[in-house]
Structures are given as structure tokens and as C-alpha cells.
Amino acid sequence: MSITSKAELASLAKFAKLPFDIKPTQTFAPLLSSSYRDGAGVEQTGKPDAVCVQARSFTFIENKSSKLNHHVDKQSSWWALQQEYTFRMHDGRDKKYNFLTEHFFRTNPVFLKDHAWNQSLFKVAAMQAQYGWERYVVCFTRNPSSADAQRYVEAGLVFCTDASLEQMLSVIDLAAHGIYYPFCLDARHSGYTVTVNPTPDPEHEGLTPEQIALDRRAKYEAVIASLHADDGSDCDYF
């Protein structure tokens, strides 16, 4: 099920006015694979909201109009939706994930955002770990709260906002030409700033793109492992 909110549609309209070639899209093909692995290592299929093609680079954009939830894999998300459906509907039969998302989209969209896999921090972080933030960036409609921004940064997510997307894309384009200028999300009114340095990681010197992707994945999995350790269990729903 594909759900595009009015806020996200408004964001896409704003993107079209930026001085970049940004087009709505729901596929990574033919530039990237649409397959990725969630926090449990299970292969999933993802899709973006838009793509920006520049002279020496391209960036897929994932637009979000609300905060990201904590589910680390799709099974955890399904289980939360299934439990709520069973409780509310007095129906103990397991339902498919798409059935549950469609049900809660109609009956309780707030609950859906809190538990849908599409709205998970660890879904977009998994995709960014696979592609790299220069290829896949998360763009929020407005500044996340200070607490949410801290969660995202601790998970290793690189993100911007509608208002700072132009700066983010400029930084990516300059880096593709060998000019490294930091991106800064100035959200002082929300209590924080976020700075991203596009300079190549010295640890990646001499590595192939595949090896770099493996390193990003290892860091992603380390974040999830630390969450499990803090939770004191192997449960994916916390």
C-alpha cells in the first residue's frame, strides 16, 4: 500500500520549484536496486518519493511529514499491527501486512504511523546504509523535535528538511566535483543543529563501493545490537 499525505504532496510541489532536476518517482530502477535488508536481515523492497539527477550525481529523496517510529524490522511492525487488530476486532486470525496497513489507514492513521514499517527509522536507515546518504536522503517536511533528531543522529541517519533540501543537494553536487563543503541543518529554534561533512571517510580509502556498503551495514547492525542490549532482550518490538 502506498500512502502519500497531503503534506508530502505539498513537499513534492516545493521540490519541483527548486533549481534542480527533481522528479517524483516510486522506483529506484534503473539507477539502483530496490531490494534492501531490514534490521533482521530479511530482504525487503523499497521505493523513493523523488529523484534528483545532477551532472555527476543522482540522489533519491524520501519525504517524511511526521516522526519515525522505533521498529527495527518489518516483522516487528507487522506484529504490533496484528496485536492491535486482534484486540480491537476480536479476530484471532493472522492478517497479511498490507491488509493491516489498509485497515489502520482507514480506522486509526495515527496508530499506523506509530507502527508502520514504511514510517520506521530503521527502514530508512537500512536503505541509507545500503546506498549511502549521497544517493538516498531523508527529507522531513519540517524540523524534527530535538528528541527525535537525537534518535535519528544516533541511528546514523543523514537527513534534511524541505527548507534545507536545496543546500543538501548543492553539497552533494559539489562533493561529486571534488569540492567538500559541510551541510548544516540549523534548527536552533528547535534546540539543535546537525552538521554533515561530505569529505570521504579515511577508513574507506582503497575500498570498493561494495566494501564501503558492507561497512555502512555493519555500523547499522551495531546500532540495532546496542538497542537490543539496552532493552535486555532479543525482542524486535520495544
C-alpha atoms as a PDB file:
ATOM      1  CA  MET A   1       0.000   0.000   0.000  1.00  0.00           C
ATOM      2  CA  SER A   2       1.363   3.409  -0.974  1.00  0.00           C
ATOM      3  CA  ILE A   3       0.279   6.294   1.268  1.00  0.00           C
ATOM      4  CA  THR A   4       1.180   9.857   0.298  1.00  0.00           C
ATOM      5  CA  SER A   5      -0.026  12.501   2.736  1.00  0.00           C
ATOM      6  CA  LYS A   6      -1.167  15.966   1.731  1.00  0.00           C
ATOM      7  CA  ALA A   7       1.954  17.361   3.423  1.00  0.00           C
ATOM      8  CA  GLU A   8       4.187  15.096   1.344  1.00  0.00           C
ATOM      9  CA  LEU A   9       2.377  16.083  -1.854  1.00  0.00           C
ATOM     10  CA  ALA A  10       2.922  19.733  -0.930  1.00  0.00           C
ATOM     11  CA  SER A  11       6.616  18.999  -0.384  1.00  0.00           C
ATOM     12  CA  LEU A  12       6.922  17.402  -3.820  1.00  0.00           C
ATOM     13  CA  ALA A  13       5.379  20.532  -5.311  1.00  0.00           C
ATOM     14  CA  LYS A  14       8.016  22.637  -3.493  1.00  0.00           C
ATOM     15  CA  PHE A  15      10.809  20.397  -4.770  1.00  0.00           C
ATOM     16  CA  ALA A  16       9.705  20.989  -8.350  1.00  0.00           C
ATOM     17  CA  LYS A  17      10.399  24.721  -7.887  1.00  0.00           C
ATOM     18  CA  LEU A  18      13.999  24.226  -6.743  1.00  0.00           C
ATOM     19  CA  PRO A  19      16.846  24.875  -9.237  1.00  0.00           C
ATOM     20  CA  PHE A  20      17.419  21.157  -9.694  1.00  0.00           C
ATOM     21  CA  ASP A  21      16.008  18.432 -11.916  1.00  0.00           C
ATOM     22  CA  ILE A  22      13.744  16.766  -9.305  1.00  0.00           C
ATOM     23  CA  LYS A  23      11.000  14.429 -10.431  1.00  0.00           C
ATOM     24  CA  PRO A  24       8.507  12.322  -8.455  1.00  0.00           C
ATOM     25  CA  THR A  25       9.216   8.606  -8.726  1.00  0.00           C
ATOM     26  CA  GLN A  26       8.328   5.388  -6.941  1.00  0.00           C
ATOM     27  CA  THR A  27      11.170   3.283  -8.294  1.00  0.00           C
ATOM     28  CA  PHE A  28      14.934   3.142  -7.892  1.00  0.00           C
ATOM     29  CA  ALA A  29      15.337   1.477 -11.298  1.00  0.00           C
ATOM     30  CA  PRO A  30      17.436   1.640 -13.350  1.00  0.00           C
ATOM     31  CA  LEU A  31      19.910   3.562 -11.174  1.00  0.00           C
ATOM     32  CA  LEU A  32      19.787   1.406  -8.023  1.00  0.00           C
ATOM     33  CA  SER A  33      18.363  -1.884  -6.816  1.00  0.00           C
ATOM     34  CA  SER A  34      15.045  -1.668  -4.968  1.00  0.00           C
ATOM     35  CA  SER A  35      15.994  -4.551  -2.638  1.00  0.00           C
ATOM     36  CA  TYR A  36      17.449  -3.989   0.817  1.00  0.00           C
ATOM     37  CA  ARG A  37      17.680  -5.893   4.109  1.00  0.00           C
ATOM     38  CA  ASP A  38      15.770  -4.815   7.196  1.00  0.00           C
ATOM     39  CA  GLY A  39      17.164  -4.912  10.736  1.00  0.00           C
ATOM     40  CA  ALA A  40      16.628  -8.667  10.954  1.00  0.00           C
ATOM     41  CA  GLY A  41      18.451  -9.267   7.677  1.00  0.00           C
ATOM     42  CA  VAL A  42      15.257 -10.089   5.767  1.00  0.00           C
ATOM     43  CA  GLU A  43      15.162  -8.848   2.179  1.00  0.00           C
ATOM     44  CA  GLN A  44      12.543  -6.174   1.544  1.00  0.00           C
ATOM     45  CA  THR A  45      11.623  -3.923  -1.373  1.00  0.00           C
ATOM     46  CA  GLY A  46      11.653  -0.155  -1.069  1.00  0.00           C
ATOM     47  CA  LYS A  47      10.698   2.825  -3.170  1.00  0.00           C
ATOM     48  CA  PRO A  48      11.537   6.552  -3.006  1.00  0.00           C
ATOM     49  CA  ASP A  49       9.370   9.634  -3.431  1.00  0.00           C
ATOM     50  CA  ALA A  50      11.544  11.610  -5.843  1.00  0.00           C
ATOM     51  CA  VAL A  51      14.894  11.634  -7.622  1.00  0.00           C
ATOM     52  CA  CYS A  52      17.305  14.477  -8.345  1.00  0.00           C
ATOM     53  CA  VAL A  53      19.682  13.946 -11.270  1.00  0.00           C
ATOM     54  CA  GLN A  54      22.727  16.234 -11.461  1.00  0.00           C
ATOM     55  CA  ALA A  55      25.754  16.425 -13.748  1.00  0.00           C
ATOM     56  CA  ARG A  56      27.858  13.916 -11.823  1.00  0.00           C
ATOM     57  CA  SER A  57      25.468  12.524  -9.253  1.00  0.00           C
ATOM     58  CA  PHE A  58      21.932  11.464  -8.501  1.00  0.00           C
ATOM     59  CA  THR A  59      20.039  11.430  -5.215  1.00  0.00           C
ATOM     60  CA  PHE A  60      16.806   9.699  -4.315  1.00  0.00           C
ATOM     61  CA  ILE A  61      14.639  11.580  -1.836  1.00  0.00           C
ATOM     62  CA  GLU A  62      12.450  10.029   0.850  1.00  0.00           C
ATOM     63  CA  ASN A  63       9.996  12.617   2.141  1.00  0.00           C
ATOM     64  CA  LYS A  64       8.500  12.304   5.627  1.00  0.00           C
ATOM     65  CA  SER A  65       5.833  14.517   7.151  1.00  0.00           C
ATOM     66  CA  SER A  66       5.875  13.004  10.663  1.00  0.00           C
ATOM     67  CA  LYS A  67       8.291  11.429  13.113  1.00  0.00           C
ATOM     68  CA  LEU A  68       9.800   7.999  12.530  1.00  0.00           C
ATOM     69  CA  ASN A  69       8.937   5.044  14.753  1.00  0.00           C
ATOM     70  CA  HIS A  70      11.242   2.566  16.529  1.00  0.00           C
ATOM     71  CA  HIS A  71      10.557  -0.737  14.729  1.00  0.00           C
ATOM     72  CA  VAL A  72      13.801  -2.380  13.638  1.00  0.00           C
ATOM     73  CA  ASP A  73      12.325  -4.829  11.116  1.00  0.00           C
ATOM     74  CA  LYS A  74       9.111  -5.439   9.195  1.00  0.00           C
ATOM     75  CA  GLN A  75       8.145  -8.470  11.281  1.00  0.00           C
ATOM     76  CA  SER A  76       8.143  -6.302  14.408  1.00  0.00           C
ATOM     77  CA  SER A  77       5.923  -3.782  12.654  1.00  0.00           C
ATOM     78  CA  TRP A  78       3.522  -6.488  11.481  1.00  0.00           C
ATOM     79  CA  TRP A  79       3.307  -7.979  14.960  1.00  0.00           C
ATOM     80  CA  ALA A  80       2.366  -4.636  16.539  1.00  0.00           C
ATOM     81  CA  LEU A  81      -0.341  -4.072  13.915  1.00  0.00           C
ATOM     82  CA  GLN A  82      -1.601  -7.645  14.244  1.00  0.00           C
ATOM     83  CA  GLN A  83      -1.855  -7.458  18.032  1.00  0.00           C
ATOM     84  CA  GLU A  84      -3.848  -4.222  17.886  1.00  0.00           C
ATOM     85  CA  TYR A  85      -6.131  -5.619  15.175  1.00  0.00           C
ATOM     86  CA  THR A  86      -6.792  -8.769  17.216  1.00  0.00           C
ATOM     87  CA  PHE A  87      -7.589  -6.704  20.319  1.00  0.00           C
ATOM     88  CA  ARG A  88      -9.863  -4.230  18.526  1.00  0.00           C
ATOM     89  CA  MET A  89     -11.653  -6.631  16.175  1.00  0.00           C
ATOM     90  CA  HIS A  90     -11.775  -9.743  18.416  1.00  0.00           C
ATOM     91  CA  ASP A  91     -10.396 -11.681  15.477  1.00  0.00           C
ATOM     92  CA  GLY A  92      -7.525 -14.042  16.302  1.00  0.00           C
ATOM     93  CA  ARG A  93      -6.690 -14.885  12.702  1.00  0.00           C
ATOM     94  CA  ASP A  94      -3.376 -13.573  11.377  1.00  0.00           C
ATOM     95  CA  LYS A  95      -3.728 -10.979   8.636  1.00  0.00           C
ATOM     96  CA  LYS A  96      -1.276 -10.001   5.932  1.00  0.00           C
ATOM     97  CA  TYR A  97       0.756  -6.846   6.438  1.00  0.00           C
ATOM     98  CA  ASN A  98      -0.925  -4.951   3.567  1.00  0.00           C
ATOM     99  CA  PHE A  99      -4.382  -5.821   4.916  1.00  0.00           C
ATOM    100  CA  LEU A 100      -3.429  -4.417   8.320  1.00  0.00           C
ATOM    101  CA  THR A 101      -1.962  -1.181   6.952  1.00  0.00           C
ATOM    102  CA  GLU A 102      -5.054  -0.579   4.831  1.00  0.00           C
ATOM    103  CA  HIS A 103      -7.298  -1.267   7.839  1.00  0.00           C
ATOM    104  CA  PHE A 104      -5.485   1.169  10.131  1.00  0.00           C
ATOM    105  CA  PHE A 105      -5.158   3.785   7.386  1.00  0.00           C
ATOM    106  CA  ARG A 106      -8.954   3.894   7.398  1.00  0.00           C
ATOM    107  CA  THR A 107      -9.585   3.463  11.122  1.00  0.00           C
ATOM    108  CA  ASN A 108      -6.561   4.803  13.036  1.00  0.00           C
ATOM    109  CA  PRO A 109      -3.929   6.569  10.911  1.00  0.00           C
ATOM    110  CA  VAL A 110      -2.082   7.858  14.000  1.00  0.00           C
ATOM    111  CA  PHE A 111      -1.544   4.307  15.259  1.00  0.00           C
ATOM    112  CA  LEU A 112      -0.459   3.292  11.767  1.00  0.00           C
ATOM    113  CA  LYS A 113       2.267   5.942  11.676  1.00  0.00           C
ATOM    114  CA  ASP A 114       3.489   4.778  15.075  1.00  0.00           C
ATOM    115  CA  HIS A 115       3.918   1.207  13.831  1.00  0.00           C
ATOM    116  CA  ALA A 116       4.018   1.026  10.023  1.00  0.00           C
ATOM    117  CA  TRP A 117       7.304  -0.251   8.612  1.00  0.00           C
ATOM    118  CA  ASN A 118       7.240   2.479   5.989  1.00  0.00           C
ATOM    119  CA  GLN A 119       7.434   5.015   8.834  1.00  0.00           C
ATOM    120  CA  SER A 120      10.322   3.296  10.631  1.00  0.00           C
ATOM    121  CA  LEU A 121      13.644   4.967  11.399  1.00  0.00           C
ATOM    122  CA  PHE A 122      15.368   1.639  10.832  1.00  0.00           C
ATOM    123  CA  LYS A 123      13.794   1.149   7.426  1.00  0.00           C
ATOM    124  CA  VAL A 124      15.169   4.399   6.009  1.00  0.00           C
ATOM    125  CA  ALA A 125      18.451   3.885   7.900  1.00  0.00           C
ATOM    126  CA  ALA A 126      18.808   0.421   6.326  1.00  0.00           C
ATOM    127  CA  MET A 127      18.281   1.859   2.863  1.00  0.00           C
ATOM    128  CA  GLN A 128      20.703   4.705   3.510  1.00  0.00           C
ATOM    129  CA  ALA A 129      23.282   2.226   4.792  1.00  0.00           C
ATOM    130  CA  GLN A 130      22.938   0.298   1.542  1.00  0.00           C
ATOM    131  CA  TYR A 131      23.010   3.216  -0.889  1.00  0.00           C
ATOM    132  CA  GLY A 132      24.940   5.906   1.006  1.00  0.00           C
ATOM    133  CA  TRP A 133      23.434   9.222   2.098  1.00  0.00           C
ATOM    134  CA  GLU A 134      24.556  10.969  -1.089  1.00  0.00           C
ATOM    135  CA  ARG A 135      22.348   8.552  -3.032  1.00  0.00           C
ATOM    136  CA  TYR A 136      19.411   8.390  -0.617  1.00  0.00           C
ATOM    137  CA  VAL A 137      18.486  11.229   1.718  1.00  0.00           C
ATOM    138  CA  VAL A 138      15.536  11.553   4.089  1.00  0.00           C
ATOM    139  CA  CYS A 139      13.795  14.922   3.902  1.00  0.00           C
ATOM    140  CA  PHE A 140      11.341  15.952   6.619  1.00  0.00           C
ATOM    141  CA  THR A 141       8.559  18.414   5.915  1.00  0.00           C
ATOM    142  CA  ARG A 142       9.606  20.416   8.996  1.00  0.00           C
ATOM    143  CA  ASN A 143      12.308  20.262  11.651  1.00  0.00           C
ATOM    144  CA  PRO A 144      12.075  17.125  13.805  1.00  0.00           C
ATOM    145  CA  SER A 145      11.884  17.726  17.546  1.00  0.00           C
ATOM    146  CA  SER A 146      15.165  17.801  19.432  1.00  0.00           C
ATOM    147  CA  ALA A 147      14.495  14.355  20.930  1.00  0.00           C
ATOM    148  CA  ASP A 148      13.629  12.828  17.557  1.00  0.00           C
ATOM    149  CA  ALA A 149      16.626  14.445  15.862  1.00  0.00           C
ATOM    150  CA  GLN A 150      18.867  12.912  18.524  1.00  0.00           C
ATOM    151  CA  ARG A 151      17.366   9.469  17.842  1.00  0.00           C
ATOM    152  CA  TYR A 152      17.979   9.851  14.129  1.00  0.00           C
ATOM    153  CA  VAL A 153      21.572  11.015  14.543  1.00  0.00           C
ATOM    154  CA  GLU A 154      22.335   8.193  16.997  1.00  0.00           C
ATOM    155  CA  ALA A 155      20.999   5.721  14.424  1.00  0.00           C
ATOM    156  CA  GLY A 156      23.389   7.178  11.849  1.00  0.00           C
ATOM    157  CA  LEU A 157      20.682   8.747   9.685  1.00  0.00           C
ATOM    158  CA  VAL A 158      21.558  11.728   7.498  1.00  0.00           C
ATOM    159  CA  PHE A 159      18.520  13.937   6.958  1.00  0.00           C
ATOM    160  CA  CYS A 160      17.404  17.398   5.944  1.00  0.00           C
ATOM    161  CA  THR A 161      14.139  19.333   5.693  1.00  0.00           C
ATOM    162  CA  ASP A 162      12.099  20.864   2.895  1.00  0.00           C
ATOM    163  CA  ALA A 163      13.705  24.208   3.696  1.00  0.00           C
ATOM    164  CA  SER A 164      17.269  22.817   3.600  1.00  0.00           C
ATOM    165  CA  LEU A 165      16.971  20.336   0.726  1.00  0.00           C
ATOM    166  CA  GLU A 166      18.422  22.834  -1.748  1.00  0.00           C
ATOM    167  CA  GLN A 167      21.519  23.193   0.440  1.00  0.00           C
ATOM    168  CA  MET A 168      21.805  19.405   0.834  1.00  0.00           C
ATOM    169  CA  LEU A 169      21.652  18.796  -2.922  1.00  0.00           C
ATOM    170  CA  SER A 170      24.207  21.561  -3.525  1.00  0.00           C
ATOM    171  CA  VAL A 171      26.605  19.943  -1.034  1.00  0.00           C
ATOM    172  CA  ILE A 172      26.170  16.574  -2.763  1.00  0.00           C
ATOM    173  CA  ASP A 173      26.774  18.116  -6.200  1.00  0.00           C
ATOM    174  CA  LEU A 174      29.885  19.973  -5.052  1.00  0.00           C
ATOM    175  CA  ALA A 175      31.278  16.781  -3.468  1.00  0.00           C
ATOM    176  CA  ALA A 176      30.767  14.947  -6.758  1.00  0.00           C
ATOM    177  CA  HIS A 177      33.086  17.576  -8.296  1.00  0.00           C
ATOM    178  CA  GLY A 178      35.658  17.163  -5.506  1.00  0.00           C
ATOM    179  CA  ILE A 179      34.634  20.270  -3.570  1.00  0.00           C
ATOM    180  CA  TYR A 180      33.740  19.451   0.017  1.00  0.00           C
ATOM    181  CA  TYR A 181      31.523  21.879   1.864  1.00  0.00           C
ATOM    182  CA  PRO A 182      29.600  20.804   5.001  1.00  0.00           C
ATOM    183  CA  PHE A 183      25.840  20.631   5.188  1.00  0.00           C
ATOM    184  CA  CYS A 184      24.331  22.274   8.255  1.00  0.00           C
ATOM    185  CA  LEU A 185      20.719  21.914   9.349  1.00  0.00           C
ATOM    186  CA  ASP A 186      20.251  24.970  11.539  1.00  0.00           C
ATOM    187  CA  ALA A 187      17.340  24.103  13.815  1.00  0.00           C
ATOM    188  CA  ARG A 188      18.322  26.278  16.766  1.00  0.00           C
ATOM    189  CA  HIS A 189      14.684  27.228  17.336  1.00  0.00           C
ATOM    190  CA  SER A 190      14.068  23.503  17.850  1.00  0.00           C
ATOM    191  CA  GLY A 191      17.093  23.244  20.120  1.00  0.00           C
ATOM    192  CA  TYR A 192      19.775  21.720  17.900  1.00  0.00           C
ATOM    193  CA  THR A 193      21.912  21.894  14.772  1.00  0.00           C
ATOM    194  CA  VAL A 194      23.049  18.986  12.615  1.00  0.00           C
ATOM    195  CA  THR A 195      26.220  19.117  10.522  1.00  0.00           C
ATOM    196  CA  VAL A 196      27.221  16.589   7.854  1.00  0.00           C
ATOM    197  CA  ASN A 197      30.746  16.528   6.429  1.00  0.00           C
ATOM    198  CA  PRO A 198      30.821  15.125   2.875  1.00  0.00           C
ATOM    199  CA  THR A 199      34.612  14.599   2.897  1.00  0.00           C
ATOM    200  CA  PRO A 200      35.390  10.944   2.081  1.00  0.00           C
ATOM    201  CA  ASP A 201      35.908   8.765   5.155  1.00  0.00           C
ATOM    202  CA  PRO A 202      39.652   7.973   5.536  1.00  0.00           C
ATOM    203  CA  GLU A 203      38.670   4.479   6.714  1.00  0.00           C
ATOM    204  CA  HIS A 204      37.192   3.838   3.262  1.00  0.00           C
ATOM    205  CA  GLU A 205      40.345   4.718   1.341  1.00  0.00           C
ATOM    206  CA  GLY A 206      41.187   1.946  -1.108  1.00  0.00           C
ATOM    207  CA  LEU A 207      37.886   0.121  -0.570  1.00  0.00           C
ATOM    208  CA  THR A 208      35.479  -0.793  -3.343  1.00  0.00           C
ATOM    209  CA  PRO A 209      31.903   0.583  -3.284  1.00  0.00           C
ATOM    210  CA  GLU A 210      30.738  -2.895  -2.244  1.00  0.00           C
ATOM    211  CA  GLN A 211      33.157  -2.951   0.695  1.00  0.00           C
ATOM    212  CA  ILE A 212      32.070   0.532   1.756  1.00  0.00           C
ATOM    213  CA  ALA A 213      28.430  -0.575   1.685  1.00  0.00           C
ATOM    214  CA  LEU A 214      29.329  -3.560   3.886  1.00  0.00           C
ATOM    215  CA  ASP A 215      30.983  -1.201   6.373  1.00  0.00           C
ATOM    216  CA  ARG A 216      27.885   1.009   6.475  1.00  0.00           C
ATOM    217  CA  ARG A 217      25.735  -2.085   7.002  1.00  0.00           C
ATOM    218  CA  ALA A 218      27.959  -3.260   9.861  1.00  0.00           C
ATOM    219  CA  LYS A 219      27.542   0.108  11.597  1.00  0.00           C
ATOM    220  CA  TYR A 220      23.760  -0.096  11.090  1.00  0.00           C
ATOM    221  CA  GLU A 221      23.666  -3.576  12.639  1.00  0.00           C
ATOM    222  CA  ALA A 222      25.817  -2.367  15.549  1.00  0.00           C
ATOM    223  CA  VAL A 223      23.183   0.276  16.350  1.00  0.00           C
ATOM    224  CA  ILE A 224      20.455  -2.363  16.413  1.00  0.00           C
ATOM    225  CA  ALA A 225      22.590  -4.673  18.563  1.00  0.00           C
ATOM    226  CA  SER A 226      23.094  -1.865  21.081  1.00  0.00           C
ATOM    227  CA  LEU A 227      19.330  -1.283  21.215  1.00  0.00           C
ATOM    228  CA  HIS A 228      18.747  -4.964  21.946  1.00  0.00           C
ATOM    229  CA  ALA A 229      21.415  -4.842  24.654  1.00  0.00           C
ATOM    230  CA  ASP A 230      19.797  -1.781  26.252  1.00  0.00           C
ATOM    231  CA  ASP A 231      16.405  -3.493  26.075  1.00  0.00           C
ATOM    232  CA  GLY A 232      17.798  -6.602  27.740  1.00  0.00           C
ATOM    233  CA  SER A 233      16.183  -8.983  25.279  1.00  0.00           C
ATOM    234  CA  ASP A 234      16.211 -10.224  21.709  1.00  0.00           C
ATOM    235  CA  CYS A 235      12.736  -8.813  21.042  1.00  0.00           C
ATOM    236  CA  ASP A 236      12.405  -6.677  17.935  1.00  0.00           C
ATOM    237  CA  TYR A 237       9.452  -4.722  19.304  1.00  0.00           C
ATOM    238  CA  PHE A 238      10.399  -2.269  22.037  1.00  0.00           C
END
